Amino acid sequence: GAARFSFLLAIPTILGSAVLLLQELLASTAPVDWLALGLGTILSFISALLCIHFFLRLLEHIGMLPFVVYRIVLGIGLLLIF
């Protein structure tokens, strides 16, 4: 539920960033290897989908408790250090 929704919320932000960077790249006079750029984009998209899929399956099995404990311990540690 919530984890899947948070991943969906990231889509407009990532797409907006990609559009701005693409505009900057198109305005640049530097040579661009479009094939490498496109291939890298496609491969990173596929690997991100796989990571999200397996992470959501992991959350179904173990739940959020380990991540909650980790964040609490990290927060306390940072408060003690700083």
Protein backbone atom coordinates (compact mmCIF):
# COMPACT_ATOMS: atom_id res chain seq x y z
CA GLY A 1 0.00 0.00 0.00
CA ALA A 2 2.00 2.94 1.31
CA ALA A 3 5.35 1.77 -0.06
CA ARG A 4 3.90 1.28 -3.53
CA PHE A 5 2.24 4.71 -3.35
CA SER A 6 5.51 6.38 -2.36
CA PHE A 7 7.25 4.85 -5.37
CA LEU A 8 4.45 6.13 -7.60
CA LEU A 9 4.83 9.63 -6.13
CA ALA A 10 8.46 9.69 -7.26
CA ILE A 11 7.55 9.30 -10.95
CA PRO A 12 6.58 12.96 -11.65
CA THR A 13 9.69 14.23 -9.86
CA ILE A 14 12.01 11.95 -11.80
CA LEU A 15 10.32 12.75 -15.12
CA GLY A 16 10.48 16.49 -14.42
CA SER A 17 14.17 16.25 -13.63
CA ALA A 18 14.78 14.24 -16.80
CA VAL A 19 12.97 16.83 -18.93
CA LEU A 20 15.01 19.69 -17.45
CA LEU A 21 18.27 17.83 -17.95
CA LEU A 22 17.30 16.91 -21.51
CA GLN A 23 16.55 20.56 -22.31
CA GLU A 24 19.95 21.52 -20.92
CA LEU A 25 21.61 18.78 -22.94
CA LEU A 26 19.87 19.84 -26.16
CA ALA A 27 20.97 23.45 -25.65
CA SER A 28 24.57 22.38 -25.08
CA THR A 29 27.12 22.45 -27.87
CA ALA A 30 28.96 19.43 -26.50
CA PRO A 31 28.77 16.21 -28.52
CA VAL A 32 26.33 13.66 -27.10
CA ASP A 33 26.43 9.90 -27.54
CA TRP A 34 22.65 9.47 -27.85
CA LEU A 35 22.87 5.68 -28.18
CA ALA A 36 24.79 5.33 -24.92
CA LEU A 37 22.48 7.81 -23.21
CA GLY A 38 19.36 5.98 -24.38
CA LEU A 39 20.75 2.56 -23.53
CA GLY A 40 21.80 3.73 -20.08
CA THR A 41 18.37 5.23 -19.48
CA ILE A 42 16.57 2.05 -20.53
CA LEU A 43 18.83 -0.21 -18.47
CA SER A 44 18.54 1.97 -15.38
CA PHE A 45 14.75 1.99 -15.76
CA ILE A 46 14.64 -1.81 -15.98
CA SER A 47 16.96 -2.25 -12.99
CA ALA A 48 14.89 0.24 -10.97
CA LEU A 49 11.69 -1.67 -11.76
CA LEU A 50 13.32 -4.93 -10.68
CA CYS A 51 14.61 -3.39 -7.44
CA ILE A 52 11.19 -1.93 -6.64
CA HIS A 53 9.49 -5.24 -7.40
CA PHE A 54 11.81 -7.26 -5.15
CA PHE A 55 11.79 -4.64 -2.40
CA LEU A 56 7.98 -4.64 -2.29
CA ARG A 57 8.00 -8.45 -2.13
CA LEU A 58 10.52 -8.24 0.72
CA LEU A 59 8.25 -5.80 2.56
CA GLU A 60 5.35 -8.24 2.20
CA HIS A 61 7.40 -10.93 3.95
CA ILE A 62 9.21 -9.02 6.70
CA GLY A 63 7.08 -5.89 7.09
CA MET A 64 8.27 -2.42 8.00
CA LEU A 65 9.45 -3.16 11.54
CA PRO A 66 13.16 -3.65 10.68
CA PHE A 67 13.19 -0.33 8.83
CA VAL A 68 11.38 1.43 11.69
CA VAL A 69 13.94 0.11 14.19
CA TYR A 70 16.79 1.13 11.91
CA ARG A 71 15.44 4.68 11.57
CA ILE A 72 14.90 5.05 15.32
CA VAL A 73 18.42 3.82 16.10
CA LEU A 74 19.86 6.08 13.41
CA GLY A 75 17.91 9.08 14.70
CA ILE A 76 19.02 8.53 18.29
CA GLY A 77 22.60 8.06 17.13
CA LEU A 78 22.55 11.29 15.15
CA LEU A 79 21.03 13.19 18.07
CA LEU A 80 23.81 11.93 20.33
CA ILE A 81 26.55 12.79 17.84
CA PHE A 82 25.28 16.22 16.84
